[in-house]
Amino acid sequence: MNGLPSGKVSITSEKRGFGVGPKSLKSGDVEMTQINLNDQSVEAVRHKKHPVFSVQYHAEASPWRHDADCLFDGFRELILDSA
């Protein structure tokens, strides 16, 4: 998986029968922030106006214990910014 803004690559654990496709993000309110390098599917999105983001993989199943820290740091920042 590639983090588009950061350019970093992460190994993620996935198992899904469906997912958000890039074509469904045409509204302009949601932007893709991570993409799967194998099949170009959407891995993560962020709302441009509201403090909301989501991932389509199992962040808790990462091989290293700190791999998902950036997600939790981002969530923490959203909470602190809205307080």
PDB file of N, CA and C in Angstrom:
ATOM      1  N   MET A   1       0.839  -1.163   0.000  1.00  0.00           N
ATOM      2  CA  MET A   1       0.000   0.000   0.000  1.00  0.00           C
ATOM      3  C   MET A   1       0.885   1.227   0.000  1.00  0.00           C
ATOM      4  N   ASN A   2       0.514   2.248  -0.732  1.00  0.00           N
ATOM      5  CA  ASN A   2       1.287   3.474  -0.828  1.00  0.00           C
ATOM      6  C   ASN A   2       0.505   4.626  -0.215  1.00  0.00           C
ATOM      7  N   GLY A   3       1.131   5.351   0.678  1.00  0.00           N
ATOM      8  CA  GLY A   3       0.520   6.556   1.215  1.00  0.00           C
ATOM      9  C   GLY A   3       0.769   7.688   0.222  1.00  0.00           C
ATOM     10  N   LEU A   4      -0.229   8.088  -0.518  1.00  0.00           N
ATOM     11  CA  LEU A   4      -0.049   9.065  -1.584  1.00  0.00           C
ATOM     12  C   LEU A   4       0.611  10.353  -1.121  1.00  0.00           C
ATOM     13  N   PRO A   5       0.107  11.015  -0.068  1.00  0.00           N
ATOM     14  CA  PRO A   5       0.764  12.263   0.346  1.00  0.00           C
ATOM     15  C   PRO A   5       2.195  12.053   0.842  1.00  0.00           C
ATOM     16  N   SER A   6       2.433  10.953   1.547  1.00  0.00           N
ATOM     17  CA  SER A   6       3.757  10.744   2.143  1.00  0.00           C
ATOM     18  C   SER A   6       4.715  10.020   1.211  1.00  0.00           C
ATOM     19  N   GLY A   7       4.195   9.223   0.281  1.00  0.00           N
ATOM     20  CA  GLY A   7       5.042   8.433  -0.590  1.00  0.00           C
ATOM     21  C   GLY A   7       5.598   7.189   0.067  1.00  0.00           C
ATOM     22  N   LYS A   8       5.222   6.943   1.329  1.00  0.00           N
ATOM     23  CA  LYS A   8       5.706   5.769   2.049  1.00  0.00           C
ATOM     24  C   LYS A   8       4.915   4.533   1.642  1.00  0.00           C
ATOM     25  N   VAL A   9       5.548   3.397   1.707  1.00  0.00           N
ATOM     26  CA  VAL A   9       4.908   2.120   1.387  1.00  0.00           C
ATOM     27  C   VAL A   9       4.796   1.307   2.671  1.00  0.00           C
ATOM     28  N   SER A  10       3.621   0.715   2.894  1.00  0.00           N
ATOM     29  CA  SER A  10       3.387  -0.132   4.059  1.00  0.00           C
ATOM     30  C   SER A  10       2.856  -1.473   3.585  1.00  0.00           C
ATOM     31  N   ILE A  11       3.137  -2.506   4.336  1.00  0.00           N
ATOM     32  CA  ILE A  11       2.561  -3.822   4.071  1.00  0.00           C
ATOM     33  C   ILE A  11       1.325  -3.934   4.948  1.00  0.00           C
ATOM     34  N   THR A  12       0.183  -4.232   4.319  1.00  0.00           N
ATOM     35  CA  THR A  12      -1.073  -4.277   5.064  1.00  0.00           C
ATOM     36  C   THR A  12      -1.721  -5.642   4.936  1.00  0.00           C
ATOM     37  N   SER A  13      -2.599  -5.939   5.875  1.00  0.00           N
ATOM     38  CA  SER A  13      -3.353  -7.178   5.879  1.00  0.00           C
ATOM     39  C   SER A  13      -4.776  -6.869   5.442  1.00  0.00           C
ATOM     40  N   GLU A  14      -5.238  -7.554   4.404  1.00  0.00           N
ATOM     41  CA  GLU A  14      -6.566  -7.284   3.869  1.00  0.00           C
ATOM     42  C   GLU A  14      -7.356  -8.569   3.695  1.00  0.00           C
ATOM     43  N   LYS A  15      -8.647  -8.438   3.835  1.00  0.00           N
ATOM     44  CA  LYS A  15      -9.573  -9.494   3.461  1.00  0.00           C
ATOM     45  C   LYS A  15     -10.919  -8.821   3.300  1.00  0.00           C
ATOM     46  N   ARG A  16     -11.289  -8.618   2.059  1.00  0.00           N
ATOM     47  CA  ARG A  16     -12.560  -7.938   1.833  1.00  0.00           C
ATOM     48  C   ARG A  16     -13.213  -8.474   0.569  1.00  0.00           C
ATOM     49  N   GLY A  17     -14.510  -8.490   0.585  1.00  0.00           N
ATOM     50  CA  GLY A  17     -15.281  -8.904  -0.579  1.00  0.00           C
ATOM     51  C   GLY A  17     -15.753  -7.705  -1.376  1.00  0.00           C
ATOM     52  N   PHE A  18     -15.579  -6.528  -0.808  1.00  0.00           N
ATOM     53  CA  PHE A  18     -15.963  -5.298  -1.489  1.00  0.00           C
ATOM     54  C   PHE A  18     -15.071  -4.191  -0.959  1.00  0.00           C
ATOM     55  N   GLY A  19     -15.077  -3.074  -1.619  1.00  0.00           N
ATOM     56  CA  GLY A  19     -14.279  -1.939  -1.168  1.00  0.00           C
ATOM     57  C   GLY A  19     -14.663  -0.681  -1.925  1.00  0.00           C
ATOM     58  N   VAL A  20     -14.227   0.431  -1.449  1.00  0.00           N
ATOM     59  CA  VAL A  20     -14.466   1.712  -2.112  1.00  0.00           C
ATOM     60  C   VAL A  20     -13.538   1.793  -3.319  1.00  0.00           C
ATOM     61  N   GLY A  21     -14.104   2.062  -4.471  1.00  0.00           N
ATOM     62  CA  GLY A  21     -13.312   2.207  -5.688  1.00  0.00           C
ATOM     63  C   GLY A  21     -12.996   3.664  -5.968  1.00  0.00           C
ATOM     64  N   PRO A  22     -11.920   3.942  -6.699  1.00  0.00           N
ATOM     65  CA  PRO A  22     -11.537   5.329  -6.987  1.00  0.00           C
ATOM     66  C   PRO A  22     -12.616   6.113  -7.724  1.00  0.00           C
ATOM     67  N   LYS A  23     -13.391   5.448  -8.572  1.00  0.00           N
ATOM     68  CA  LYS A  23     -14.435   6.138  -9.335  1.00  0.00           C
ATOM     69  C   LYS A  23     -15.559   6.651  -8.440  1.00  0.00           C
ATOM     70  N   SER A  24     -15.746   6.027  -7.277  1.00  0.00           N
ATOM     71  CA  SER A  24     -16.815   6.445  -6.373  1.00  0.00           C
ATOM     72  C   SER A  24     -16.455   7.706  -5.597  1.00  0.00           C
ATOM     73  N   LEU A  25     -15.233   8.199  -5.737  1.00  0.00           N
ATOM     74  CA  LEU A  25     -14.790   9.388  -5.004  1.00  0.00           C
ATOM     75  C   LEU A  25     -14.916  10.656  -5.837  1.00  0.00           C
ATOM     76  N   LYS A  26     -15.735  10.646  -6.858  1.00  0.00           N
ATOM     77  CA  LYS A  26     -15.862  11.783  -7.773  1.00  0.00           C
ATOM     78  C   LYS A  26     -16.530  13.005  -7.155  1.00  0.00           C
ATOM     79  N   SER A  27     -17.178  12.859  -6.031  1.00  0.00           N
ATOM     80  CA  SER A  27     -17.923  13.979  -5.438  1.00  0.00           C
ATOM     81  C   SER A  27     -17.021  15.154  -5.088  1.00  0.00           C
ATOM     82  N   GLY A  28     -15.755  14.879  -4.817  1.00  0.00           N
ATOM     83  CA  GLY A  28     -14.827  15.944  -4.479  1.00  0.00           C
ATOM     84  C   GLY A  28     -14.690  16.201  -2.992  1.00  0.00           C
ATOM     85  N   ASP A  29     -15.600  15.684  -2.170  1.00  0.00           N
ATOM     86  CA  ASP A  29     -15.525  15.907  -0.728  1.00  0.00           C
ATOM     87  C   ASP A  29     -14.570  14.938  -0.042  1.00  0.00           C
ATOM     88  N   VAL A  30     -14.305  13.807  -0.692  1.00  0.00           N
ATOM     89  CA  VAL A  30     -13.448  12.773  -0.112  1.00  0.00           C
ATOM     90  C   VAL A  30     -12.255  12.569  -1.038  1.00  0.00           C
ATOM     91  N   GLU A  31     -11.069  12.477  -0.430  1.00  0.00           N
ATOM     92  CA  GLU A  31      -9.876  12.237  -1.235  1.00  0.00           C
ATOM     93  C   GLU A  31      -9.189  10.947  -0.802  1.00  0.00           C
ATOM     94  N   MET A  32      -8.609  10.270  -1.771  1.00  0.00           N
ATOM     95  CA  MET A  32      -7.875   9.047  -1.503  1.00  0.00           C
ATOM     96  C   MET A  32      -6.520   9.435  -0.921  1.00  0.00           C
ATOM     97  N   THR A  33      -6.153   8.816   0.192  1.00  0.00           N
ATOM     98  CA  THR A  33      -4.863   9.112   0.826  1.00  0.00           C
ATOM     99  C   THR A  33      -3.898   7.946   0.756  1.00  0.00           C
ATOM    100  N   GLN A  34      -4.413   6.737   0.479  1.00  0.00           N
ATOM    101  CA  GLN A  34      -3.558   5.566   0.337  1.00  0.00           C
ATOM    102  C   GLN A  34      -4.142   4.673  -0.750  1.00  0.00           C
ATOM    103  N   ILE A  35      -3.263   4.058  -1.542  1.00  0.00           N
ATOM    104  CA  ILE A  35      -3.695   3.206  -2.646  1.00  0.00           C
ATOM    105  C   ILE A  35      -2.935   1.885  -2.601  1.00  0.00           C
ATOM    106  N   ASN A  36      -3.618   0.809  -2.985  1.00  0.00           N
ATOM    107  CA  ASN A  36      -2.980  -0.498  -3.046  1.00  0.00           C
ATOM    108  C   ASN A  36      -2.159  -0.573  -4.324  1.00  0.00           C
ATOM    109  N   LEU A  37      -0.885  -0.862  -4.196  1.00  0.00           N
ATOM    110  CA  LEU A  37       0.002  -0.911  -5.361  1.00  0.00           C
ATOM    111  C   LEU A  37      -0.245  -2.145  -6.222  1.00  0.00           C
ATOM    112  N   ASN A  38      -0.858  -3.182  -5.663  1.00  0.00           N
ATOM    113  CA  ASN A  38      -1.116  -4.393  -6.442  1.00  0.00           C
ATOM    114  C   ASN A  38      -2.285  -4.240  -7.405  1.00  0.00           C
ATOM    115  N   ASP A  39      -3.405  -3.709  -6.924  1.00  0.00           N
ATOM    116  CA  ASP A  39      -4.593  -3.632  -7.772  1.00  0.00           C
ATOM    117  C   ASP A  39      -5.167  -2.221  -7.910  1.00  0.00           C
ATOM    118  N   GLN A  40      -4.468  -1.231  -7.387  1.00  0.00           N
ATOM    119  CA  GLN A  40      -4.869   0.176  -7.481  1.00  0.00           C
ATOM    120  C   GLN A  40      -6.182   0.478  -6.758  1.00  0.00           C
ATOM    121  N   SER A  41      -6.595  -0.386  -5.840  1.00  0.00           N
ATOM    122  CA  SER A  41      -7.812  -0.130  -5.067  1.00  0.00           C
ATOM    123  C   SER A  41      -7.512   0.906  -3.981  1.00  0.00           C
ATOM    124  N   VAL A  42      -8.565   1.523  -3.508  1.00  0.00           N
ATOM    125  CA  VAL A  42      -8.453   2.545  -2.464  1.00  0.00           C
ATOM    126  C   VAL A  42      -8.141   1.861  -1.141  1.00  0.00           C
ATOM    127  N   GLU A  43      -7.117   2.329  -0.457  1.00  0.00           N
ATOM    128  CA  GLU A  43      -6.763   1.790   0.853  1.00  0.00           C
ATOM    129  C   GLU A  43      -7.208   2.715   1.984  1.00  0.00           C
ATOM    130  N   ALA A  44      -7.218   4.016   1.742  1.00  0.00           N
ATOM    131  CA  ALA A  44      -7.618   4.961   2.786  1.00  0.00           C
ATOM    132  C   ALA A  44      -8.161   6.230   2.147  1.00  0.00           C
ATOM    133  N   VAL A  45      -9.085   6.864   2.854  1.00  0.00           N
ATOM    134  CA  VAL A  45      -9.693   8.113   2.401  1.00  0.00           C
ATOM    135  C   VAL A  45      -9.739   9.113   3.544  1.00  0.00           C
ATOM    136  N   ARG A  46      -9.878  10.381   3.166  1.00  0.00           N
ATOM    137  CA  ARG A  46     -10.014  11.470   4.144  1.00  0.00           C
ATOM    138  C   ARG A  46     -11.033  12.452   3.577  1.00  0.00           C
ATOM    139  N   HIS A  47     -11.915  12.947   4.447  1.00  0.00           N
ATOM    140  CA  HIS A  47     -12.879  13.964   4.046  1.00  0.00           C
ATOM    141  C   HIS A  47     -12.172  15.311   4.036  1.00  0.00           C
ATOM    142  N   LYS A  48     -12.414  16.095   3.019  1.00  0.00           N
ATOM    143  CA  LYS A  48     -11.713  17.373   2.876  1.00  0.00           C
ATOM    144  C   LYS A  48     -12.230  18.454   3.817  1.00  0.00           C
ATOM    145  N   LYS A  49     -13.503  18.358   4.231  1.00  0.00           N
ATOM    146  CA  LYS A  49     -14.092  19.407   5.067  1.00  0.00           C
ATOM    147  C   LYS A  49     -14.284  18.976   6.516  1.00  0.00           C
ATOM    148  N   HIS A  50     -14.637  17.735   6.722  1.00  0.00           N
ATOM    149  CA  HIS A  50     -14.949  17.239   8.064  1.00  0.00           C
ATOM    150  C   HIS A  50     -13.781  16.414   8.614  1.00  0.00           C
ATOM    151  N   PRO A  51     -13.632  16.346   9.921  1.00  0.00           N
ATOM    152  CA  PRO A  51     -12.524  15.600  10.533  1.00  0.00           C
ATOM    153  C   PRO A  51     -12.783  14.092  10.542  1.00  0.00           C
ATOM    154  N   VAL A  52     -12.749  13.501   9.353  1.00  0.00           N
ATOM    155  CA  VAL A  52     -13.074  12.089   9.204  1.00  0.00           C
ATOM    156  C   VAL A  52     -12.054  11.434   8.264  1.00  0.00           C
ATOM    157  N   PHE A  53     -11.572  10.247   8.636  1.00  0.00           N
ATOM    158  CA  PHE A  53     -10.745   9.450   7.735  1.00  0.00           C
ATOM    159  C   PHE A  53     -11.029   7.982   7.982  1.00  0.00           C
ATOM    160  N   SER A  54     -10.655   7.137   7.030  1.00  0.00           N
ATOM    161  CA  SER A  54     -10.929   5.716   7.143  1.00  0.00           C
ATOM    162  C   SER A  54      -9.886   4.921   6.368  1.00  0.00           C
ATOM    163  N   VAL A  55      -9.659   3.691   6.799  1.00  0.00           N
ATOM    164  CA  VAL A  55      -8.788   2.772   6.070  1.00  0.00           C
ATOM    165  C   VAL A  55      -9.586   1.517   5.727  1.00  0.00           C
ATOM    166  N   GLN A  56      -9.199   0.846   4.628  1.00  0.00           N
ATOM    167  CA  GLN A  56      -9.853  -0.384   4.195  1.00  0.00           C
ATOM    168  C   GLN A  56      -8.891  -1.556   4.310  1.00  0.00           C
ATOM    169  N   TYR A  57      -8.237  -1.651   5.428  1.00  0.00           N
ATOM    170  CA  TYR A  57      -7.367  -2.785   5.708  1.00  0.00           C
ATOM    171  C   TYR A  57      -7.305  -2.944   7.212  1.00  0.00           C
ATOM    172  N   HIS A  58      -6.691  -4.008   7.652  1.00  0.00           N
ATOM    173  CA  HIS A  58      -6.623  -4.287   9.088  1.00  0.00           C
ATOM    174  C   HIS A  58      -5.348  -3.684   9.666  1.00  0.00           C
ATOM    175  N   ALA A  59      -5.462  -2.443  10.094  1.00  0.00           N
ATOM    176  CA  ALA A  59      -4.294  -1.749  10.661  1.00  0.00           C
ATOM    177  C   ALA A  59      -3.778  -2.435  11.920  1.00  0.00           C
ATOM    178  N   GLU A  60      -4.668  -3.062  12.649  1.00  0.00           N
ATOM    179  CA  GLU A  60      -4.266  -3.731  13.895  1.00  0.00           C
ATOM    180  C   GLU A  60      -3.479  -5.009  13.621  1.00  0.00           C
ATOM    181  N   ALA A  61      -3.477  -5.492  12.386  1.00  0.00           N
ATOM    182  CA  ALA A  61      -2.778  -6.730  12.040  1.00  0.00           C
ATOM    183  C   ALA A  61      -1.423  -6.459  11.389  1.00  0.00           C
ATOM    184  N   SER A  62      -0.884  -5.280  11.590  1.00  0.00           N
ATOM    185  CA  SER A  62       0.400  -4.943  10.976  1.00  0.00           C
ATOM    186  C   SER A  62       1.527  -5.759  11.601  1.00  0.00           C
ATOM    187  N   PRO A  63       2.557  -6.060  10.809  1.00  0.00           N
ATOM    188  CA  PRO A  63       3.625  -6.921  11.311  1.00  0.00           C
ATOM    189  C   PRO A  63       4.473  -6.304  12.429  1.00  0.00           C
ATOM    190  N   TRP A  64       4.591  -5.012  12.461  1.00  0.00           N
ATOM    191  CA  TRP A  64       5.365  -4.347  13.512  1.00  0.00           C
ATOM    192  C   TRP A  64       4.413  -3.603  14.423  1.00  0.00           C
ATOM    193  N   ARG A  65       4.730  -3.532  15.673  1.00  0.00           N
ATOM    194  CA  ARG A  65       3.785  -2.981  16.650  1.00  0.00           C
ATOM    195  C   ARG A  65       3.522  -1.490  16.475  1.00  0.00           C
ATOM    196  N   HIS A  66       4.391  -0.761  15.795  1.00  0.00           N
ATOM    197  CA  HIS A  66       4.186   0.675  15.632  1.00  0.00           C
ATOM    198  C   HIS A  66       3.749   1.064  14.222  1.00  0.00           C
ATOM    199  N   ASP A  67       3.446   0.094  13.362  1.00  0.00           N
ATOM    200  CA  ASP A  67       3.085   0.398  11.983  1.00  0.00           C
ATOM    201  C   ASP A  67       1.839   1.269  11.859  1.00  0.00           C
ATOM    202  N   ALA A  68       0.886   1.119  12.755  1.00  0.00           N
ATOM    203  CA  ALA A  68      -0.358   1.879  12.674  1.00  0.00           C
ATOM    204  C   ALA A  68      -0.309   3.171  13.492  1.00  0.00           C
ATOM    205  N   ASP A  69       0.843   3.508  14.054  1.00  0.00           N
ATOM    206  CA  ASP A  69       0.942   4.712  14.883  1.00  0.00           C
ATOM    207  C   ASP A  69       0.491   5.968  14.155  1.00  0.00           C
ATOM    208  N   CYS A  70       0.781   6.070  12.856  1.00  0.00           N
ATOM    209  CA  CYS A  70       0.389   7.272  12.119  1.00  0.00           C
ATOM    210  C   CYS A  70      -1.128   7.429  12.095  1.00  0.00           C
ATOM    211  N   LEU A  71      -1.872   6.306  12.071  1.00  0.00           N
ATOM    212  CA  LEU A  71      -3.335   6.387  12.103  1.00  0.00           C
ATOM    213  C   LEU A  71      -3.823   6.886  13.460  1.00  0.00           C
ATOM    214  N   PHE A  72      -3.255   6.347  14.508  1.00  0.00           N
ATOM    215  CA  PHE A  72      -3.667   6.765  15.843  1.00  0.00           C
ATOM    216  C   PHE A  72      -3.219   8.200  16.135  1.00  0.00           C
ATOM    217  N   ASP A  73      -2.057   8.584  15.643  1.00  0.00           N
ATOM    218  CA  ASP A  73      -1.599   9.977  15.786  1.00  0.00           C
ATOM    219  C   ASP A  73      -2.547  10.927  15.065  1.00  0.00           C
ATOM    220  N   GLY A  74      -2.969  10.547  13.852  1.00  0.00           N
ATOM    221  CA  GLY A  74      -3.917  11.375  13.099  1.00  0.00           C
ATOM    222  C   GLY A  74      -5.250  11.494  13.805  1.00  0.00           C
ATOM    223  N   PHE A  75      -5.721  10.385  14.386  1.00  0.00           N
ATOM    224  CA  PHE A  75      -6.975  10.407  15.137  1.00  0.00           C
ATOM    225  C   PHE A  75      -6.844  11.303  16.356  1.00  0.00           C
ATOM    226  N   ARG A  76      -5.733  11.192  17.060  1.00  0.00           N
ATOM    227  CA  ARG A  76      -5.484  12.027  18.236  1.00  0.00           C
ATOM    228  C   ARG A  76      -5.493  13.513  17.854  1.00  0.00           C
ATOM    229  N   GLU A  77      -4.859  13.849  16.740  1.00  0.00           N
ATOM    230  CA  GLU A  77      -4.842  15.236  16.281  1.00  0.00           C
ATOM    231  C   GLU A  77      -6.244  15.747  15.960  1.00  0.00           C
ATOM    232  N   LEU A  78      -7.079  14.902  15.326  1.00  0.00           N
ATOM    233  CA  LEU A  78      -8.452  15.300  15.039  1.00  0.00           C
ATOM    234  C   LEU A  78      -9.215  15.614  16.319  1.00  0.00           C
ATOM    235  N   ILE A  79      -9.023  14.775  17.337  1.00  0.00           N
ATOM    236  CA  ILE A  79      -9.731  14.965  18.609  1.00  0.00           C
ATOM    237  C   ILE A  79      -9.250  16.255  19.277  1.00  0.00           C
ATOM    238  N   LEU A  80      -7.941  16.468  19.315  1.00  0.00           N
ATOM    239  CA  LEU A  80      -7.401  17.669  19.973  1.00  0.00           C
ATOM    240  C   LEU A  80      -7.791  18.937  19.223  1.00  0.00           C
ATOM    241  N   ASP A  81      -7.809  18.881  17.897  1.00  0.00           N
ATOM    242  CA  ASP A  81      -8.169  20.053  17.106  1.00  0.00           C
ATOM    243  C   ASP A  81      -9.638  20.420  17.249  1.00  0.00           C
ATOM    244  N   SER A  82     -10.477  19.424  17.524  1.00  0.00           N
ATOM    245  CA  SER A  82     -11.906  19.700  17.638  1.00  0.00           C
ATOM    246  C   SER A  82     -12.316  20.063  19.066  1.00  0.00           C
ATOM    247  N   ALA A  83     -11.392  19.940  20.003  1.00  0.00           N
ATOM    248  CA  ALA A  83     -11.718  20.226  21.416  1.00  0.00           C
ATOM    249  C   ALA A  83     -11.695  21.718  21.689  1.00  0.00           C
TER     250      ALA A  83
END
